[in-house]
Amino acid sequence: MAIDCYSSFDINQVQRFFYLFSVAYCLLPIAYCLLPIAIAYCLLPVACCLLPV
């Protein structure tokens, strides 16, 4: 009895993985670009509080 590779190989799971991978790969430069802005936006009130007025 030969093992059927395609019955145990779920193609929908592979397509879902590649879809999530492509979306993450597309959003990664955007997150990498926005991360310093978000950190600066979080640190801005702290810097304003520490500066002598």
PDB file of N, CA and C in Angstrom:
ATOM      1  N   MET A   1       0.841  -1.196   0.000  1.00  0.00           N
ATOM      2  CA  MET A   1       0.000   0.000   0.000  1.00  0.00           C
ATOM      3  C   MET A   1       0.880   1.250   0.000  1.00  0.00           C
ATOM      4  N   ALA A   2       0.748   2.042  -1.043  1.00  0.00           N
ATOM      5  CA  ALA A   2       1.563   3.246  -1.162  1.00  0.00           C
ATOM      6  C   ALA A   2       0.949   4.388  -0.354  1.00  0.00           C
ATOM      7  N   ILE A   3       1.832   5.206   0.181  1.00  0.00           N
ATOM      8  CA  ILE A   3       1.372   6.352   0.964  1.00  0.00           C
ATOM      9  C   ILE A   3       1.050   7.503   0.019  1.00  0.00           C
ATOM     10  N   ASP A   4      -0.174   8.006   0.120  1.00  0.00           N
ATOM     11  CA  ASP A   4      -0.582   9.127  -0.720  1.00  0.00           C
ATOM     12  C   ASP A   4      -0.107  10.421  -0.067  1.00  0.00           C
ATOM     13  N   CYS A   5       0.809  11.097  -0.730  1.00  0.00           N
ATOM     14  CA  CYS A   5       1.401  12.295  -0.143  1.00  0.00           C
ATOM     15  C   CYS A   5       0.414  13.456  -0.121  1.00  0.00           C
ATOM     16  N   TYR A   6      -0.449  13.507  -1.117  1.00  0.00           N
ATOM     17  CA  TYR A   6      -1.321  14.669  -1.236  1.00  0.00           C
ATOM     18  C   TYR A   6      -2.465  14.648  -0.236  1.00  0.00           C
ATOM     19  N   SER A   7      -2.840  13.464   0.248  1.00  0.00           N
ATOM     20  CA  SER A   7      -3.937  13.407   1.205  1.00  0.00           C
ATOM     21  C   SER A   7      -3.493  13.915   2.577  1.00  0.00           C
ATOM     22  N   SER A   8      -2.235  13.643   2.940  1.00  0.00           N
ATOM     23  CA  SER A   8      -1.743  14.111   4.228  1.00  0.00           C
ATOM     24  C   SER A   8      -1.173  15.524   4.136  1.00  0.00           C
ATOM     25  N   PHE A   9      -0.973  15.999   2.931  1.00  0.00           N
ATOM     26  CA  PHE A   9      -0.382  17.317   2.713  1.00  0.00           C
ATOM     27  C   PHE A   9      -1.501  18.328   2.512  1.00  0.00           C
ATOM     28  N   ASP A  10      -1.754  19.141   3.537  1.00  0.00           N
ATOM     29  CA  ASP A  10      -2.855  20.100   3.488  1.00  0.00           C
ATOM     30  C   ASP A  10      -2.403  21.336   2.727  1.00  0.00           C
ATOM     31  N   ILE A  11      -2.984  21.569   1.551  1.00  0.00           N
ATOM     32  CA  ILE A  11      -2.572  22.691   0.708  1.00  0.00           C
ATOM     33  C   ILE A  11      -3.107  24.007   1.251  1.00  0.00           C
ATOM     34  N   ASN A  12      -4.255  23.969   1.932  1.00  0.00           N
ATOM     35  CA  ASN A  12      -4.808  25.204   2.483  1.00  0.00           C
ATOM     36  C   ASN A  12      -3.934  25.761   3.601  1.00  0.00           C
ATOM     37  N   GLN A  13      -3.355  24.863   4.382  1.00  0.00           N
ATOM     38  CA  GLN A  13      -2.480  25.301   5.458  1.00  0.00           C
ATOM     39  C   GLN A  13      -1.216  25.945   4.892  1.00  0.00           C
ATOM     40  N   VAL A  14      -0.711  25.397   3.798  1.00  0.00           N
ATOM     41  CA  VAL A  14       0.483  25.955   3.171  1.00  0.00           C
ATOM     42  C   VAL A  14       0.175  27.314   2.560  1.00  0.00           C
ATOM     43  N   GLN A  15      -0.983  27.431   1.916  1.00  0.00           N
ATOM     44  CA  GLN A  15      -1.371  28.718   1.331  1.00  0.00           C
ATOM     45  C   GLN A  15      -1.572  29.765   2.415  1.00  0.00           C
ATOM     46  N   ARG A  16      -2.145  29.356   3.549  1.00  0.00           N
ATOM     47  CA  ARG A  16      -2.346  30.281   4.653  1.00  0.00           C
ATOM     48  C   ARG A  16      -1.006  30.743   5.213  1.00  0.00           C
ATOM     49  N   PHE A  17      -0.038  29.813   5.290  1.00  0.00           N
ATOM     50  CA  PHE A  17       1.286  30.162   5.799  1.00  0.00           C
ATOM     51  C   PHE A  17       1.981  31.149   4.876  1.00  0.00           C
ATOM     52  N   PHE A  18       1.922  30.901   3.567  1.00  0.00           N
ATOM     53  CA  PHE A  18       2.567  31.806   2.617  1.00  0.00           C
ATOM     54  C   PHE A  18       1.880  33.164   2.580  1.00  0.00           C
ATOM     55  N   TYR A  19       0.567  33.179   2.783  1.00  0.00           N
ATOM     56  CA  TYR A  19      -0.160  34.450   2.809  1.00  0.00           C
ATOM     57  C   TYR A  19       0.255  35.274   4.023  1.00  0.00           C
ATOM     58  N   LEU A  20       0.310  34.639   5.195  1.00  0.00           N
ATOM     59  CA  LEU A  20       0.720  35.351   6.403  1.00  0.00           C
ATOM     60  C   LEU A  20       2.170  35.788   6.313  1.00  0.00           C
ATOM     61  N   PHE A  21       3.010  34.953   5.676  1.00  0.00           N
ATOM     62  CA  PHE A  21       4.421  35.299   5.537  1.00  0.00           C
ATOM     63  C   PHE A  21       4.592  36.500   4.622  1.00  0.00           C
ATOM     64  N   SER A  22       3.824  36.550   3.534  1.00  0.00           N
ATOM     65  CA  SER A  22       3.938  37.673   2.602  1.00  0.00           C
ATOM     66  C   SER A  22       3.404  38.957   3.227  1.00  0.00           C
ATOM     67  N   VAL A  23       2.319  38.850   4.017  1.00  0.00           N
ATOM     68  CA  VAL A  23       1.777  40.033   4.688  1.00  0.00           C
ATOM     69  C   VAL A  23       2.762  40.552   5.728  1.00  0.00           C
ATOM     70  N   ALA A  24       3.357  39.638   6.500  1.00  0.00           N
ATOM     71  CA  ALA A  24       4.331  40.048   7.507  1.00  0.00           C
ATOM     72  C   ALA A  24       5.573  40.637   6.844  1.00  0.00           C
ATOM     73  N   TYR A  25       5.981  40.057   5.713  1.00  0.00           N
ATOM     74  CA  TYR A  25       7.161  40.550   5.003  1.00  0.00           C
ATOM     75  C   TYR A  25       6.894  41.924   4.408  1.00  0.00           C
ATOM     76  N   CYS A  26       5.634  42.201   4.081  1.00  0.00           N
ATOM     77  CA  CYS A  26       5.271  43.508   3.539  1.00  0.00           C
ATOM     78  C   CYS A  26       5.175  44.541   4.655  1.00  0.00           C
ATOM     79  N   LEU A  27       4.655  44.142   5.824  1.00  0.00           N
ATOM     80  CA  LEU A  27       4.460  45.085   6.921  1.00  0.00           C
ATOM     81  C   LEU A  27       5.727  45.320   7.732  1.00  0.00           C
ATOM     82  N   LEU A  28       6.736  44.465   7.554  1.00  0.00           N
ATOM     83  CA  LEU A  28       7.948  44.590   8.359  1.00  0.00           C
ATOM     84  C   LEU A  28       8.689  45.901   8.127  1.00  0.00           C
ATOM     85  N   PRO A  29       8.902  46.353   6.874  1.00  0.00           N
ATOM     86  CA  PRO A  29       9.574  47.655   6.696  1.00  0.00           C
ATOM     87  C   PRO A  29       8.757  48.813   7.243  1.00  0.00           C
ATOM     88  N   ILE A  30       7.431  48.720   7.175  1.00  0.00           N
ATOM     89  CA  ILE A  30       6.581  49.790   7.701  1.00  0.00           C
ATOM     90  C   ILE A  30       6.719  49.860   9.219  1.00  0.00           C
ATOM     91  N   ALA A  31       6.703  48.699   9.876  1.00  0.00           N
ATOM     92  CA  ALA A  31       6.872  48.673  11.327  1.00  0.00           C
ATOM     93  C   ALA A  31       8.273  49.139  11.709  1.00  0.00           C
ATOM     94  N   TYR A  32       9.268  48.767  10.901  1.00  0.00           N
ATOM     95  CA  TYR A  32      10.646  49.172  11.170  1.00  0.00           C
ATOM     96  C   TYR A  32      10.805  50.671  10.992  1.00  0.00           C
ATOM     97  N   CYS A  33      10.004  51.260  10.115  1.00  0.00           N
ATOM     98  CA  CYS A  33      10.051  52.701   9.887  1.00  0.00           C
ATOM     99  C   CYS A  33       9.301  53.440  10.989  1.00  0.00           C
ATOM    100  N   LEU A  34       8.173  52.888  11.453  1.00  0.00           N
ATOM    101  CA  LEU A  34       7.345  53.571  12.442  1.00  0.00           C
ATOM    102  C   LEU A  34       7.809  53.353  13.872  1.00  0.00           C
ATOM    103  N   LEU A  35       8.673  52.359  14.091  1.00  0.00           N
ATOM    104  CA  LEU A  35       9.088  52.047  15.455  1.00  0.00           C
ATOM    105  C   LEU A  35       9.851  53.188  16.123  1.00  0.00           C
ATOM    106  N   PRO A  36      10.840  53.826  15.463  1.00  0.00           N
ATOM    107  CA  PRO A  36      11.507  54.963  16.122  1.00  0.00           C
ATOM    108  C   PRO A  36      10.563  56.126  16.387  1.00  0.00           C
ATOM    109  N   ILE A  37       9.585  56.329  15.508  1.00  0.00           N
ATOM    110  CA  ILE A  37       8.612  57.401  15.711  1.00  0.00           C
ATOM    111  C   ILE A  37       7.754  57.098  16.939  1.00  0.00           C
ATOM    112  N   ALA A  38       7.353  55.837  17.088  1.00  0.00           N
ATOM    113  CA  ALA A  38       6.539  55.456  18.246  1.00  0.00           C
ATOM    114  C   ALA A  38       7.340  55.575  19.536  1.00  0.00           C
ATOM    115  N   ILE A  39       8.616  55.177  19.497  1.00  0.00           N
ATOM    116  CA  ILE A  39       9.462  55.286  20.692  1.00  0.00           C
ATOM    117  C   ILE A  39       9.675  56.752  21.052  1.00  0.00           C
ATOM    118  N   ALA A  40       9.929  57.594  20.050  1.00  0.00           N
ATOM    119  CA  ALA A  40      10.116  59.024  20.310  1.00  0.00           C
ATOM    120  C   ALA A  40       8.823  59.648  20.833  1.00  0.00           C
ATOM    121  N   TYR A  41       7.687  59.191  20.321  1.00  0.00           N
ATOM    122  CA  TYR A  41       6.392  59.718  20.769  1.00  0.00           C
ATOM    123  C   TYR A  41       6.109  59.315  22.212  1.00  0.00           C
ATOM    124  N   CYS A  42       6.600  58.115  22.606  1.00  0.00           N
ATOM    125  CA  CYS A  42       6.420  57.683  23.994  1.00  0.00           C
ATOM    126  C   CYS A  42       7.379  58.414  24.924  1.00  0.00           C
ATOM    127  N   LEU A  43       8.591  58.700  24.449  1.00  0.00           N
ATOM    128  CA  LEU A  43       9.598  59.332  25.300  1.00  0.00           C
ATOM    129  C   LEU A  43       9.445  60.841  25.368  1.00  0.00           C
ATOM    130  N   LEU A  44       8.649  61.416  24.478  1.00  0.00           N
ATOM    131  CA  LEU A  44       8.513  62.870  24.446  1.00  0.00           C
ATOM    132  C   LEU A  44       7.903  63.444  25.730  1.00  0.00           C
ATOM    133  N   PRO A  45       6.810  62.884  26.275  1.00  0.00           N
ATOM    134  CA  PRO A  45       6.292  63.426  27.541  1.00  0.00           C
ATOM    135  C   PRO A  45       7.275  63.253  28.694  1.00  0.00           C
ATOM    136  N   VAL A  46       8.030  62.153  28.683  1.00  0.00           N
ATOM    137  CA  VAL A  46       9.022  61.930  29.737  1.00  0.00           C
ATOM    138  C   VAL A  46      10.109  62.992  29.652  1.00  0.00           C
ATOM    139  N   ALA A  47      10.558  63.297  28.434  1.00  0.00           N
ATOM    140  CA  ALA A  47      11.580  64.322  28.253  1.00  0.00           C
ATOM    141  C   ALA A  47      11.047  65.696  28.646  1.00  0.00           C
ATOM    142  N   CYS A  48       9.788  65.957  28.371  1.00  0.00           N
ATOM    143  CA  CYS A  48       9.199  67.248  28.740  1.00  0.00           C
ATOM    144  C   CYS A  48       9.068  67.381  30.253  1.00  0.00           C
ATOM    145  N   CYS A  49       8.801  66.271  30.919  1.00  0.00           N
ATOM    146  CA  CYS A  49       8.687  66.320  32.379  1.00  0.00           C
ATOM    147  C   CYS A  49      10.051  66.496  33.031  1.00  0.00           C
ATOM    148  N   LEU A  50      11.092  65.903  32.438  1.00  0.00           N
ATOM    149  CA  LEU A  50      12.419  65.971  33.041  1.00  0.00           C
ATOM    150  C   LEU A  50      13.093  67.308  32.788  1.00  0.00           C
ATOM    151  N   LEU A  51      12.711  67.982  31.697  1.00  0.00           N
ATOM    152  CA  LEU A  51      13.349  69.263  31.400  1.00  0.00           C
ATOM    153  C   LEU A  51      12.866  70.336  32.369  1.00  0.00           C
ATOM    154  N   PRO A  52      13.789  71.130  32.878  1.00  0.00           N
ATOM    155  CA  PRO A  52      13.365  72.224  33.766  1.00  0.00           C
ATOM    156  C   PRO A  52      12.639  73.306  32.980  1.00  0.00           C
ATOM    157  N   VAL A  53      11.465  73.642  33.427  1.00  0.00           N
ATOM    158  CA  VAL A  53      10.662  74.648  32.724  1.00  0.00           C
ATOM    159  C   VAL A  53      11.019  76.031  33.247  1.00  0.00           C
TER     160      VAL A  53
END
